[in-house]
Protein backbone atom coordinates (compact mmCIF):
# COMPACT_ATOMS: atom_id res chain seq x y z
CA MET A 1 -16.97 -23.22 -16.83
CA ILE A 2 -17.09 -19.68 -15.46
CA ARG A 3 -13.88 -18.30 -13.98
CA PHE A 4 -13.80 -15.39 -11.62
CA MET A 5 -10.74 -13.19 -11.57
CA ARG A 6 -9.51 -12.46 -8.10
CA ALA A 7 -9.11 -8.87 -7.09
CA PHE A 8 -5.58 -7.81 -6.28
CA LYS A 9 -4.83 -6.42 -2.84
CA HIS A 10 -2.91 -3.17 -2.65
CA PRO A 11 -1.58 -1.54 0.52
CA THR A 12 -3.12 1.73 1.62
CA PRO A 13 -0.87 4.81 1.52
CA GLU A 14 -0.57 4.66 5.31
CA ASP A 15 0.69 1.07 5.09
CA LEU A 16 3.57 1.89 2.73
CA THR A 17 6.97 1.58 4.37
CA LEU A 18 10.31 2.80 3.13
CA GLU A 19 11.89 -0.58 3.91
CA ARG A 20 9.47 -2.47 1.65
CA LEU A 21 9.84 0.08 -1.15
CA LEU A 22 13.63 -0.08 -1.04
CA TYR A 23 13.60 -3.88 -0.87
CA ALA A 24 11.32 -4.06 -3.93
CA LEU A 25 13.54 -1.65 -5.84
CA SER A 26 16.77 -3.45 -4.89
CA ASP A 27 16.24 -6.01 -7.65
CA PRO A 28 17.38 -4.81 -11.12
CA VAL A 29 14.41 -6.46 -12.88
CA ARG A 30 11.89 -4.75 -10.60
CA LEU A 31 13.68 -1.43 -10.93
CA GLU A 32 13.52 -1.80 -14.72
CA ILE A 33 9.76 -2.52 -14.50
CA VAL A 34 9.21 0.62 -12.40
CA ARG A 35 11.24 2.73 -14.83
CA CYS A 36 9.21 1.39 -17.77
CA LEU A 37 5.91 2.04 -15.98
CA ALA A 38 7.00 5.60 -15.19
CA GLY A 39 6.88 6.35 -18.92
CA VAL A 40 3.41 4.97 -19.69
CA PRO A 41 -0.07 5.20 -18.14
CA GLU A 42 -0.24 1.40 -17.80
CA ALA A 43 1.16 -1.76 -19.36
CA SER A 44 0.40 -5.46 -19.36
CA CYS A 45 2.72 -7.98 -17.74
CA GLY A 46 3.52 -9.35 -21.19
CA GLU A 47 4.62 -5.94 -22.46
CA LEU A 48 7.18 -5.72 -19.67
CA ASP A 49 8.47 -9.30 -19.46
CA GLY A 50 11.61 -8.80 -21.54
CA GLY A 51 11.52 -12.48 -22.48
CA ARG A 52 11.57 -13.61 -18.86
CA PRO A 53 9.45 -16.56 -17.68
CA LYS A 54 5.87 -15.79 -16.65
CA SER A 55 6.42 -17.26 -13.18
CA SER A 56 9.40 -14.97 -12.60
CA MET A 57 7.46 -11.91 -13.72
CA SER A 58 4.48 -12.85 -11.53
CA HIS A 59 6.83 -12.91 -8.55
CA HIS A 60 8.32 -9.51 -9.41
CA PHE A 61 4.91 -7.89 -9.88
CA ARG A 62 3.70 -9.36 -6.58
CA VAL A 63 6.68 -7.87 -4.74
CA LEU A 64 6.11 -4.48 -6.41
CA ARG A 65 2.38 -4.62 -5.65
CA ASP A 66 2.91 -5.67 -2.02
CA ALA A 67 5.38 -2.80 -1.56
CA GLY A 68 2.79 -0.37 -2.93
CA LEU A 69 4.72 0.65 -6.02
CA VAL A 70 2.38 -0.84 -8.61
CA HIS A 71 -1.39 -1.07 -9.02
CA THR A 72 -2.62 -4.15 -10.91
CA ARG A 73 -6.08 -4.65 -12.38
CA SER A 74 -7.56 -7.45 -14.45
CA VAL A 75 -8.94 -6.82 -17.91
CA GLY A 76 -10.25 -10.18 -19.04
CA THR A 77 -7.27 -12.50 -18.74
CA THR A 78 -4.74 -9.67 -18.93
CA HIS A 79 -3.19 -7.97 -15.92
CA MET A 80 -2.68 -4.25 -16.44
CA ASN A 81 -0.15 -2.49 -14.24
CA SER A 82 0.40 1.16 -13.43
CA LEU A 83 2.84 2.99 -11.21
CA ARG A 84 1.27 4.47 -8.06
CA GLY A 85 3.19 7.70 -8.58
CA GLU A 86 0.77 10.07 -6.86
CA VAL A 87 0.43 7.85 -3.80
CA LEU A 88 4.20 7.43 -3.55
CA GLU A 89 4.83 11.15 -3.94
CA GLU A 90 2.31 11.95 -1.23
CA ARG A 91 3.78 9.41 1.20
CA PHE A 92 7.50 9.86 0.37
CA PRO A 93 7.95 13.23 -1.39
CA GLY A 94 10.73 13.21 -3.99
CA LEU A 95 11.75 9.58 -3.44
CA LEU A 96 10.39 8.10 -6.66
CA GLN A 97 11.77 10.93 -8.80
CA SER A 98 15.19 10.50 -7.18
CA ILE A 99 15.15 6.78 -7.88
CA LEU A 100 14.00 7.21 -11.48
CA THR A 101 16.70 9.76 -12.31
CA GLN A 102 19.57 7.62 -10.97
CA ARG A 103 21.26 5.39 -13.54
């Protein structure tokens, strides 16, 4: 049986809204994911799960992707994620850096 991986949908820079970004970052797990991704070019979902259930992590990555914070691509059966830092900086200058430096 041949399986086709679906392509992930990502919002355009013009479609990013501050409300969606802040909502996505309001969850401590999602904020932790963003902070981890800020330190690496990309990472798989499994590298960032912290022992959490796959279904929970899928939900968190979907929220981050829908908000425009994360770009996800399929490599075989693995989902690789990267932070959309340049897009976020262009749309909301200084916001991501401010969020990442707050502890």
